[in-house]
């Protein structure tokens, strides 16, 4: 009975300390973000045609992430350049300026790789990393069936006869060319 009471007190103490720790972490994150936003709002955006300057700021941003034990992101990179995340994605989509778009693509891939590696080493939550890779870095889960001219093997041959018949019935109204 005494052990059970002691365990309850320990659990309550742990929960209280844990809550204070989480509160402190959130406070630190919000304060850091506010400081970064203030700095970004007071700076002139980096010219995207000056790829050397973009690379220099990127290197400083990544080193700052390393010092803070934080994985870099496109959003953080954009903020360090005085830009919005959407502005970086617009450069990537337009592929203009070409050298800057190439650099941003390299950064995006490197950031995704850091996220992958951290996940594989169990340094971050795997489910969160999967979500971030899909939502932020374009990763997808998909199986493709590539049909090429002259390929006589039916990709559905491996299906059970019932499944093949079900698929055939489902798509029977599609006209053959």
N, C-alpha and C. Protein backbone atom coordinates (compact mmCIF):
# COMPACT_ATOMS: atom_id res chain seq x y z
N UNK A 1 0.81 -1.19 0.00
CA UNK A 1 0.00 0.00 0.00
C UNK A 1 0.86 1.27 0.00
N UNK A 2 1.91 1.25 0.79
CA UNK A 2 2.81 2.40 0.86
C UNK A 2 3.52 2.58 -0.48
N UNK A 3 3.90 1.46 -1.11
CA UNK A 3 4.56 1.53 -2.42
C UNK A 3 3.63 2.12 -3.48
N UNK A 4 2.36 1.75 -3.43
CA UNK A 4 1.40 2.28 -4.41
C UNK A 4 1.23 3.78 -4.23
N UNK A 5 1.16 4.24 -3.00
CA UNK A 5 1.02 5.67 -2.72
C UNK A 5 2.26 6.42 -3.21
N UNK A 6 3.43 5.86 -2.95
CA UNK A 6 4.68 6.47 -3.39
C UNK A 6 4.73 6.55 -4.92
N UNK A 7 4.27 5.48 -5.59
CA UNK A 7 4.26 5.46 -7.05
C UNK A 7 3.32 6.53 -7.60
N UNK A 8 2.15 6.70 -6.97
CA UNK A 8 1.22 7.75 -7.41
C UNK A 8 1.85 9.13 -7.26
N UNK A 9 2.53 9.38 -6.15
CA UNK A 9 3.19 10.67 -5.93
C UNK A 9 4.27 10.89 -6.98
N UNK A 10 5.04 9.83 -7.27
CA UNK A 10 6.10 9.93 -8.27
C UNK A 10 5.51 10.22 -9.64
N UNK A 11 4.41 9.53 -9.99
CA UNK A 11 3.76 9.76 -11.28
C UNK A 11 3.24 11.19 -11.40
N UNK A 12 2.64 11.70 -10.33
CA UNK A 12 2.14 13.09 -10.36
C UNK A 12 3.30 14.06 -10.51
N UNK A 13 4.40 13.80 -9.81
CA UNK A 13 5.56 14.67 -9.90
C UNK A 13 6.13 14.63 -11.32
N UNK A 14 6.22 13.43 -11.89
CA UNK A 14 6.73 13.29 -13.25
C UNK A 14 5.83 14.05 -14.23
N UNK A 15 4.52 13.88 -14.08
CA UNK A 15 3.59 14.56 -14.98
C UNK A 15 3.73 16.07 -14.87
N UNK A 16 3.87 16.58 -13.65
CA UNK A 16 4.02 18.02 -13.44
C UNK A 16 5.33 18.50 -14.06
N UNK A 17 6.44 17.78 -13.83
CA UNK A 17 7.72 18.17 -14.39
C UNK A 17 7.69 18.06 -15.92
N UNK A 18 7.06 17.02 -16.42
CA UNK A 18 6.96 16.82 -17.86
C UNK A 18 6.18 17.97 -18.49
N UNK A 19 5.09 18.34 -17.87
CA UNK A 19 4.27 19.44 -18.38
C UNK A 19 5.06 20.74 -18.38
N UNK A 20 5.80 20.99 -17.32
CA UNK A 20 6.62 22.20 -17.26
C UNK A 20 7.69 22.18 -18.34
N UNK A 21 8.28 21.01 -18.58
CA UNK A 21 9.30 20.87 -19.61
C UNK A 21 8.71 21.18 -20.99
N UNK A 22 7.55 20.59 -21.29
CA UNK A 22 6.90 20.83 -22.58
C UNK A 22 6.53 22.29 -22.72
N UNK A 23 5.98 22.88 -21.66
CA UNK A 23 5.63 24.31 -21.70
C UNK A 23 6.87 25.16 -22.01
N UNK A 24 7.99 24.80 -21.38
CA UNK A 24 9.23 25.54 -21.61
C UNK A 24 9.72 25.39 -23.05
N UNK A 25 9.59 24.19 -23.59
CA UNK A 25 10.00 23.95 -24.97
C UNK A 25 9.16 24.78 -25.94
N UNK A 26 7.85 24.80 -25.71
CA UNK A 26 6.96 25.57 -26.59
C UNK A 26 7.27 27.06 -26.47
N UNK A 27 7.48 27.53 -25.25
CA UNK A 27 7.82 28.94 -25.04
C UNK A 27 9.10 29.30 -25.79
N UNK A 28 10.11 28.44 -25.68
CA UNK A 28 11.38 28.70 -26.37
C UNK A 28 11.18 28.73 -27.89
N UNK A 29 10.39 27.80 -28.41
CA UNK A 29 10.13 27.74 -29.85
C UNK A 29 9.41 28.99 -30.34
N UNK A 30 8.38 29.41 -29.62
CA UNK A 30 7.62 30.60 -30.03
C UNK A 30 8.51 31.85 -29.94
N UNK A 31 9.30 31.95 -28.90
CA UNK A 31 10.19 33.10 -28.74
C UNK A 31 11.22 33.14 -29.87
N UNK A 32 11.81 31.98 -30.18
CA UNK A 32 12.79 31.90 -31.26
C UNK A 32 12.15 32.29 -32.59
N UNK A 33 10.95 31.80 -32.85
CA UNK A 33 10.27 32.11 -34.10
C UNK A 33 9.93 33.60 -34.18
N UNK A 34 9.49 34.17 -33.07
CA UNK A 34 9.19 35.61 -33.06
C UNK A 34 10.45 36.42 -33.37
N UNK A 35 11.58 36.02 -32.78
CA UNK A 35 12.84 36.72 -33.04
C UNK A 35 13.24 36.59 -34.51
N UNK A 36 13.08 35.39 -35.06
CA UNK A 36 13.43 35.16 -36.47
C UNK A 36 12.52 35.95 -37.41
N UNK A 37 11.23 36.00 -37.09
CA UNK A 37 10.30 36.78 -37.91
C UNK A 37 10.62 38.27 -37.86
N UNK A 38 10.95 38.74 -36.67
CA UNK A 38 11.31 40.15 -36.53
C UNK A 38 12.55 40.47 -37.37
N UNK A 39 13.55 39.60 -37.29
CA UNK A 39 14.77 39.81 -38.07
C UNK A 39 14.47 39.75 -39.57
N UNK A 40 13.66 38.77 -39.98
CA UNK A 40 13.31 38.64 -41.40
C UNK A 40 12.51 39.84 -41.88
N UNK A 41 11.62 40.35 -41.03
CA UNK A 41 10.81 41.51 -41.41
C UNK A 41 11.62 42.78 -41.53
N UNK A 42 12.74 42.85 -40.83
CA UNK A 42 13.57 44.05 -40.86
C UNK A 42 14.68 44.01 -41.91
N UNK A 43 14.83 42.86 -42.57
CA UNK A 43 15.90 42.76 -43.56
C UNK A 43 15.36 42.92 -44.96
N UNK A 44 16.24 43.32 -45.85
CA UNK A 44 15.89 43.36 -47.26
C UNK A 44 15.96 41.93 -47.78
N UNK A 45 14.95 41.50 -48.53
CA UNK A 45 15.03 40.14 -49.10
C UNK A 45 16.27 40.01 -49.98
N UNK A 46 16.84 38.82 -49.94
CA UNK A 46 18.01 38.54 -50.78
C UNK A 46 17.56 38.46 -52.23
N UNK A 47 18.34 39.06 -53.12
CA UNK A 47 18.02 38.97 -54.54
C UNK A 47 18.23 37.54 -55.01
N UNK A 48 17.22 36.96 -55.60
CA UNK A 48 17.30 35.58 -56.04
C UNK A 48 18.19 35.40 -57.26
N UNK A 49 18.58 36.49 -57.90
CA UNK A 49 19.51 36.39 -59.02
C UNK A 49 20.96 36.32 -58.53
N UNK A 50 21.19 36.65 -57.27
CA UNK A 50 22.53 36.58 -56.67
C UNK A 50 22.69 35.23 -55.98
N UNK A 51 22.97 34.19 -56.77
CA UNK A 51 23.01 32.83 -56.25
C UNK A 51 24.12 32.65 -55.21
N UNK A 52 25.22 33.39 -55.34
CA UNK A 52 26.30 33.27 -54.36
C UNK A 52 25.83 33.76 -52.99
N UNK A 53 25.08 34.83 -52.96
CA UNK A 53 24.54 35.36 -51.70
C UNK A 53 23.51 34.37 -51.13
N UNK A 54 22.67 33.80 -51.99
CA UNK A 54 21.69 32.80 -51.56
C UNK A 54 22.41 31.61 -50.93
N UNK A 55 23.49 31.15 -51.56
CA UNK A 55 24.25 30.02 -51.03
C UNK A 55 24.89 30.36 -49.68
N UNK A 56 25.41 31.57 -49.57
CA UNK A 56 26.04 32.00 -48.31
C UNK A 56 25.02 32.02 -47.17
N UNK A 57 23.87 32.61 -47.42
CA UNK A 57 22.82 32.67 -46.39
C UNK A 57 22.34 31.25 -46.05
N UNK A 58 22.23 30.40 -47.06
CA UNK A 58 21.82 29.02 -46.83
C UNK A 58 22.81 28.31 -45.91
N UNK A 59 24.09 28.48 -46.17
CA UNK A 59 25.11 27.84 -45.34
C UNK A 59 25.02 28.33 -43.89
N UNK A 60 24.83 29.63 -43.71
CA UNK A 60 24.68 30.17 -42.34
C UNK A 60 23.42 29.62 -41.67
N UNK A 61 22.34 29.50 -42.45
CA UNK A 61 21.09 28.95 -41.90
C UNK A 61 21.28 27.50 -41.45
N UNK A 62 21.93 26.69 -42.28
CA UNK A 62 22.13 25.28 -41.93
C UNK A 62 23.03 25.15 -40.70
N UNK A 63 24.08 25.99 -40.61
CA UNK A 63 24.93 25.95 -39.41
C UNK A 63 24.15 26.36 -38.17
N UNK A 64 23.26 27.33 -38.30
CA UNK A 64 22.43 27.73 -37.16
C UNK A 64 21.50 26.59 -36.75
N UNK A 65 20.98 25.85 -37.73
CA UNK A 65 20.14 24.69 -37.41
C UNK A 65 20.94 23.65 -36.66
N UNK A 66 22.18 23.42 -37.08
CA UNK A 66 23.04 22.45 -36.41
C UNK A 66 23.29 22.87 -34.96
N UNK A 67 23.56 24.14 -34.74
CA UNK A 67 23.80 24.64 -33.38
C UNK A 67 22.55 24.50 -32.51
N UNK A 68 21.37 24.65 -33.12
CA UNK A 68 20.11 24.58 -32.37
C UNK A 68 19.57 23.15 -32.32
N UNK A 69 20.28 22.20 -32.92
CA UNK A 69 19.81 20.80 -33.00
C UNK A 69 18.43 20.71 -33.63
N UNK A 70 18.27 21.44 -34.72
CA UNK A 70 17.00 21.49 -35.44
C UNK A 70 17.26 21.12 -36.90
N UNK A 71 16.37 20.33 -37.47
CA UNK A 71 16.51 20.01 -38.89
C UNK A 71 16.13 21.22 -39.72
N UNK A 72 16.88 21.51 -40.78
CA UNK A 72 16.51 22.63 -41.65
C UNK A 72 15.25 22.31 -42.45
N UNK A 73 14.59 23.36 -42.89
CA UNK A 73 13.37 23.21 -43.68
C UNK A 73 13.33 24.29 -44.75
N UNK A 74 12.51 24.08 -45.73
CA UNK A 74 12.32 25.09 -46.77
C UNK A 74 11.75 26.37 -46.15
N UNK A 75 10.83 26.22 -45.21
CA UNK A 75 10.24 27.40 -44.55
C UNK A 75 11.31 28.20 -43.81
N UNK A 76 12.18 27.50 -43.08
CA UNK A 76 13.24 28.18 -42.35
C UNK A 76 14.24 28.84 -43.29
N UNK A 77 14.58 28.14 -44.36
CA UNK A 77 15.49 28.71 -45.35
C UNK A 77 14.88 29.98 -45.95
N UNK A 78 13.61 29.89 -46.32
CA UNK A 78 12.94 31.06 -46.91
C UNK A 78 12.97 32.24 -45.95
N UNK A 79 12.66 31.97 -44.68
CA UNK A 79 12.65 33.04 -43.69
C UNK A 79 14.05 33.65 -43.54
N UNK A 80 15.09 32.82 -43.58
CA UNK A 80 16.46 33.34 -43.45
C UNK A 80 16.84 34.20 -44.65
N UNK A 81 16.19 33.97 -45.78
CA UNK A 81 16.43 34.78 -46.98
C UNK A 81 15.52 36.01 -47.03
N UNK A 82 14.62 36.14 -46.07
CA UNK A 82 13.68 37.25 -46.07
C UNK A 82 12.53 37.05 -47.04
N UNK A 83 12.25 35.77 -47.35
CA UNK A 83 11.21 35.43 -48.32
C UNK A 83 10.14 34.58 -47.66
N UNK A 84 9.06 34.37 -48.37
CA UNK A 84 8.04 33.43 -47.92
C UNK A 84 8.39 32.04 -48.47
N UNK A 85 7.85 31.03 -47.85
CA UNK A 85 8.03 29.66 -48.33
C UNK A 85 7.51 29.54 -49.76
N UNK A 86 6.39 30.19 -50.03
CA UNK A 86 5.79 30.12 -51.36
C UNK A 86 6.71 30.73 -52.41
N UNK A 87 7.46 31.76 -52.06
CA UNK A 87 8.39 32.38 -53.01
C UNK A 87 9.46 31.37 -53.43
N UNK A 88 9.94 30.57 -52.47
CA UNK A 88 10.94 29.54 -52.80
C UNK A 88 10.32 28.50 -53.72
N UNK A 89 9.09 28.06 -53.40
CA UNK A 89 8.43 27.07 -54.25
C UNK A 89 8.12 27.62 -55.63
N UNK A 90 7.84 28.92 -55.73
CA UNK A 90 7.61 29.54 -57.03
C UNK A 90 8.88 29.50 -57.89
N UNK A 91 10.03 29.76 -57.27
CA UNK A 91 11.30 29.69 -58.00
C UNK A 91 11.51 28.27 -58.51
N UNK A 92 11.23 27.28 -57.66
CA UNK A 92 11.37 25.88 -58.07
C UNK A 92 10.43 25.54 -59.22
N UNK A 93 9.18 25.99 -59.13
CA UNK A 93 8.18 25.66 -60.17
C UNK A 93 8.51 26.33 -61.50
N UNK A 94 8.95 27.57 -61.45
CA UNK A 94 9.26 28.31 -62.69
C UNK A 94 10.65 27.97 -63.24
N UNK A 95 11.50 27.39 -62.35
CA UNK A 95 12.89 27.11 -62.67
C UNK A 95 13.60 28.39 -63.11
N UNK A 96 13.26 29.47 -62.39
CA UNK A 96 13.82 30.77 -62.71
C UNK A 96 13.94 31.62 -61.45
N UNK A 97 15.06 32.25 -61.20
CA UNK A 97 16.32 32.15 -61.91
C UNK A 97 16.88 30.72 -61.86
N UNK A 98 17.42 30.29 -62.97
CA UNK A 98 17.80 28.89 -63.16
C UNK A 98 18.78 28.38 -62.11
N UNK A 99 19.85 29.11 -61.86
CA UNK A 99 20.87 28.66 -60.89
C UNK A 99 20.31 28.62 -59.47
N UNK A 100 19.48 29.59 -59.14
CA UNK A 100 18.88 29.61 -57.80
C UNK A 100 17.88 28.47 -57.66
N UNK A 101 17.12 28.19 -58.71
CA UNK A 101 16.17 27.08 -58.67
C UNK A 101 16.92 25.76 -58.51
N UNK A 102 18.04 25.62 -59.20
CA UNK A 102 18.86 24.42 -59.06
C UNK A 102 19.37 24.29 -57.62
N UNK A 103 19.81 25.40 -57.05
CA UNK A 103 20.29 25.39 -55.66
C UNK A 103 19.17 25.03 -54.69
N UNK A 104 18.01 25.63 -54.87
CA UNK A 104 16.87 25.31 -53.99
C UNK A 104 16.48 23.83 -54.10
N UNK A 105 16.55 23.28 -55.31
CA UNK A 105 16.23 21.86 -55.48
C UNK A 105 17.24 20.99 -54.73
N UNK A 106 18.51 21.36 -54.79
CA UNK A 106 19.53 20.62 -54.04
C UNK A 106 19.27 20.73 -52.53
N UNK A 107 18.92 21.92 -52.08
CA UNK A 107 18.61 22.13 -50.66
C UNK A 107 17.40 21.30 -50.24
N UNK A 108 16.35 21.35 -51.04
CA UNK A 108 15.14 20.59 -50.73
C UNK A 108 15.46 19.10 -50.58
N UNK A 109 16.24 18.58 -51.50
CA UNK A 109 16.59 17.17 -51.45
C UNK A 109 17.49 16.85 -50.25
N UNK A 110 18.42 17.75 -49.94
CA UNK A 110 19.30 17.54 -48.78
C UNK A 110 18.49 17.60 -47.48
N UNK A 111 17.54 18.52 -47.40
CA UNK A 111 16.70 18.62 -46.19
C UNK A 111 15.87 17.36 -46.03
N UNK A 112 15.32 16.86 -47.13
CA UNK A 112 14.53 15.62 -47.08
C UNK A 112 15.42 14.45 -46.65
N UNK A 113 16.64 14.42 -47.16
CA UNK A 113 17.55 13.34 -46.80
C UNK A 113 17.90 13.38 -45.30
N UNK A 114 18.09 14.58 -44.76
CA UNK A 114 18.35 14.69 -43.33
C UNK A 114 17.17 14.17 -42.52
N UNK A 115 15.97 14.48 -43.00
CA UNK A 115 14.76 14.00 -42.34
C UNK A 115 14.67 12.48 -42.42
N UNK A 116 14.95 11.93 -43.58
CA UNK A 116 14.96 10.46 -43.75
C UNK A 116 15.96 9.81 -42.80
N UNK A 117 17.18 10.31 -42.81
CA UNK A 117 18.24 9.73 -41.99
C UNK A 117 17.90 9.82 -40.50
N UNK A 118 17.38 10.95 -40.08
CA UNK A 118 16.99 11.11 -38.68
C UNK A 118 15.90 10.13 -38.30
N UNK A 119 14.99 9.90 -39.21
CA UNK A 119 13.91 8.94 -38.96
C UNK A 119 14.45 7.53 -38.87
N UNK A 120 15.33 7.16 -39.80
CA UNK A 120 15.90 5.81 -39.80
C UNK A 120 16.74 5.55 -38.56
N UNK A 121 17.33 6.59 -38.00
CA UNK A 121 18.13 6.44 -36.78
C UNK A 121 17.30 6.61 -35.51
N UNK A 122 15.99 6.74 -35.69
CA UNK A 122 15.07 6.93 -34.56
C UNK A 122 15.36 8.20 -33.76
N UNK A 123 15.84 9.22 -34.43
CA UNK A 123 16.08 10.50 -33.77
C UNK A 123 14.83 11.38 -33.76
N UNK A 124 13.90 11.08 -34.66
CA UNK A 124 12.64 11.81 -34.71
C UNK A 124 11.51 10.81 -34.90
N UNK A 125 10.31 11.26 -34.66
CA UNK A 125 9.14 10.40 -34.78
C UNK A 125 8.96 9.99 -36.24
N UNK A 126 8.90 8.69 -36.46
CA UNK A 126 8.82 8.16 -37.83
C UNK A 126 7.54 8.59 -38.53
N UNK A 127 6.42 8.55 -37.83
CA UNK A 127 5.14 8.93 -38.44
C UNK A 127 5.18 10.40 -38.86
N UNK A 128 5.71 11.24 -37.99
CA UNK A 128 5.82 12.66 -38.33
C UNK A 128 6.72 12.85 -39.54
N UNK A 129 7.83 12.11 -39.58
CA UNK A 129 8.74 12.27 -40.72
C UNK A 129 8.09 11.82 -42.02
N UNK A 130 7.31 10.74 -41.98
CA UNK A 130 6.60 10.29 -43.19
C UNK A 130 5.65 11.38 -43.66
N UNK A 131 4.90 11.95 -42.72
CA UNK A 131 3.97 13.03 -43.07
C UNK A 131 4.72 14.20 -43.69
N UNK A 132 5.81 14.62 -43.06
CA UNK A 132 6.56 15.76 -43.57
C UNK A 132 7.16 15.48 -44.95
N UNK A 133 7.66 14.27 -45.14
CA UNK A 133 8.24 13.93 -46.45
C UNK A 133 7.17 13.95 -47.54
N UNK A 134 5.98 13.48 -47.22
CA UNK A 134 4.90 13.50 -48.22
C UNK A 134 4.38 14.91 -48.44
N UNK A 135 4.11 15.63 -47.36
CA UNK A 135 3.49 16.96 -47.48
C UNK A 135 4.47 18.02 -47.94
N UNK A 136 5.71 17.96 -47.46
CA UNK A 136 6.64 19.04 -47.74
C UNK A 136 7.66 18.77 -48.82
N UNK A 137 7.90 17.49 -49.09
CA UNK A 137 8.97 17.17 -50.02
C UNK A 137 8.51 16.33 -51.20
N UNK A 138 7.20 16.14 -51.35
CA UNK A 138 6.65 15.50 -52.53
C UNK A 138 6.78 13.99 -52.59
N UNK A 139 7.14 13.36 -51.49
CA UNK A 139 7.23 11.90 -51.50
C UNK A 139 5.84 11.31 -51.65
N UNK A 140 5.76 10.12 -52.28
CA UNK A 140 4.48 9.46 -52.50
C UNK A 140 4.64 7.97 -52.31
N UNK A 141 3.55 7.35 -51.93
CA UNK A 141 3.50 5.89 -51.93
C UNK A 141 2.64 5.52 -53.12
N UNK A 142 3.23 4.77 -54.05
CA UNK A 142 2.44 4.38 -55.21
C UNK A 142 3.06 3.16 -55.84
N UNK A 143 2.23 2.41 -56.48
CA UNK A 143 2.65 1.29 -57.31
C UNK A 143 2.19 1.60 -58.71
N UNK A 144 3.11 1.51 -59.64
CA UNK A 144 2.76 1.82 -61.02
C UNK A 144 2.82 0.56 -61.86
N UNK A 145 1.91 0.47 -62.77
CA UNK A 145 1.95 -0.59 -63.78
C UNK A 145 2.24 0.13 -65.09
N UNK A 146 3.39 -0.15 -65.65
CA UNK A 146 3.80 0.49 -66.89
C UNK A 146 3.48 -0.46 -68.02
N UNK A 147 2.65 0.00 -68.93
CA UNK A 147 2.28 -0.79 -70.09
C UNK A 147 3.00 -0.20 -71.29
N UNK A 148 3.77 -1.04 -71.95
CA UNK A 148 4.50 -0.58 -73.12
C UNK A 148 4.04 -1.36 -74.34
N UNK A 149 4.18 -0.76 -75.47
CA UNK A 149 3.78 -1.42 -76.71
C UNK A 149 4.66 -2.65 -76.93
N UNK A 150 4.05 -3.75 -77.27
CA UNK A 150 4.78 -4.98 -77.49
C UNK A 150 4.91 -5.83 -76.24
N UNK A 151 4.50 -5.32 -75.11
CA UNK A 151 4.55 -6.09 -73.86
C UNK A 151 3.33 -7.00 -73.85
N UNK A 152 3.55 -8.28 -73.97
CA UNK A 152 2.42 -9.21 -74.07
C UNK A 152 2.03 -9.80 -72.73
N UNK A 153 2.81 -9.55 -71.70
CA UNK A 153 2.48 -10.12 -70.40
C UNK A 153 1.39 -9.28 -69.74
N UNK A 154 0.35 -9.93 -69.31
CA UNK A 154 -0.75 -9.26 -68.63
C UNK A 154 -0.35 -9.03 -67.17
N UNK A 155 -0.35 -7.77 -66.70
CA UNK A 155 0.08 -7.51 -65.32
C UNK A 155 -0.86 -8.13 -64.29
N UNK A 156 -2.05 -8.55 -64.73
CA UNK A 156 -3.01 -9.12 -63.79
C UNK A 156 -2.97 -10.65 -63.77
N UNK A 157 -2.03 -11.25 -64.49
CA UNK A 157 -1.94 -12.71 -64.52
C UNK A 157 -1.73 -13.31 -63.14
N UNK A 158 -1.06 -12.56 -62.26
CA UNK A 158 -0.77 -13.08 -60.94
C UNK A 158 -1.97 -13.01 -60.00
N UNK A 159 -3.02 -12.31 -60.38
CA UNK A 159 -4.19 -12.19 -59.53
C UNK A 159 -4.96 -13.50 -59.48
N UNK A 160 -5.62 -13.69 -58.37
CA UNK A 160 -6.52 -14.84 -58.27
C UNK A 160 -7.59 -14.69 -59.35
N UNK A 161 -8.08 -15.79 -59.89
CA UNK A 161 -9.08 -15.70 -60.98
C UNK A 161 -10.30 -14.86 -60.59
N UNK A 162 -10.70 -14.94 -59.32
CA UNK A 162 -11.88 -14.15 -58.90
C UNK A 162 -11.59 -12.66 -58.98
N UNK A 163 -10.37 -12.26 -58.54
CA UNK A 163 -10.01 -10.85 -58.57
C UNK A 163 -9.91 -10.34 -60.00
N UNK A 164 -9.33 -11.16 -60.87
CA UNK A 164 -9.21 -10.77 -62.28
C UNK A 164 -10.59 -10.61 -62.91
N UNK A 165 -11.50 -11.53 -62.60
CA UNK A 165 -12.85 -11.45 -63.14
C UNK A 165 -13.57 -10.21 -62.61
N UNK A 166 -13.34 -9.90 -61.34
CA UNK A 166 -13.98 -8.72 -60.74
C UNK A 166 -13.48 -7.44 -61.40
N UNK A 167 -12.17 -7.36 -61.65
CA UNK A 167 -11.62 -6.19 -62.33
C UNK A 167 -12.13 -6.09 -63.77
N UNK A 168 -12.20 -7.22 -64.45
CA UNK A 168 -12.68 -7.23 -65.83
C UNK A 168 -14.12 -6.75 -65.89
N UNK A 169 -14.96 -7.18 -64.95
CA UNK A 169 -16.36 -6.76 -64.91
C UNK A 169 -16.45 -5.27 -64.59
N UNK A 170 -15.61 -4.81 -63.68
CA UNK A 170 -15.65 -3.41 -63.24
C UNK A 170 -15.34 -2.47 -64.40
N UNK A 171 -14.39 -2.86 -65.25
CA UNK A 171 -13.96 -1.98 -66.33
C UNK A 171 -14.43 -2.44 -67.71
N UNK A 172 -15.44 -3.25 -67.75
CA UNK A 172 -15.92 -3.79 -69.02
C UNK A 172 -16.55 -2.73 -69.92
N UNK A 173 -17.01 -1.63 -69.34
CA UNK A 173 -17.67 -0.60 -70.15
C UNK A 173 -16.68 0.35 -70.82
N UNK A 174 -15.38 0.16 -70.56
CA UNK A 174 -14.37 1.02 -71.18
C UNK A 174 -14.10 0.47 -72.59
N UNK A 175 -14.26 1.30 -73.61
CA UNK A 175 -14.07 0.81 -74.98
C UNK A 175 -12.61 0.50 -75.27
N UNK A 176 -12.39 -0.54 -76.05
CA UNK A 176 -11.05 -0.87 -76.51
C UNK A 176 -10.72 0.03 -77.69
N UNK A 177 -9.47 0.38 -77.81
CA UNK A 177 -9.04 1.21 -78.96
C UNK A 177 -8.65 0.36 -80.12
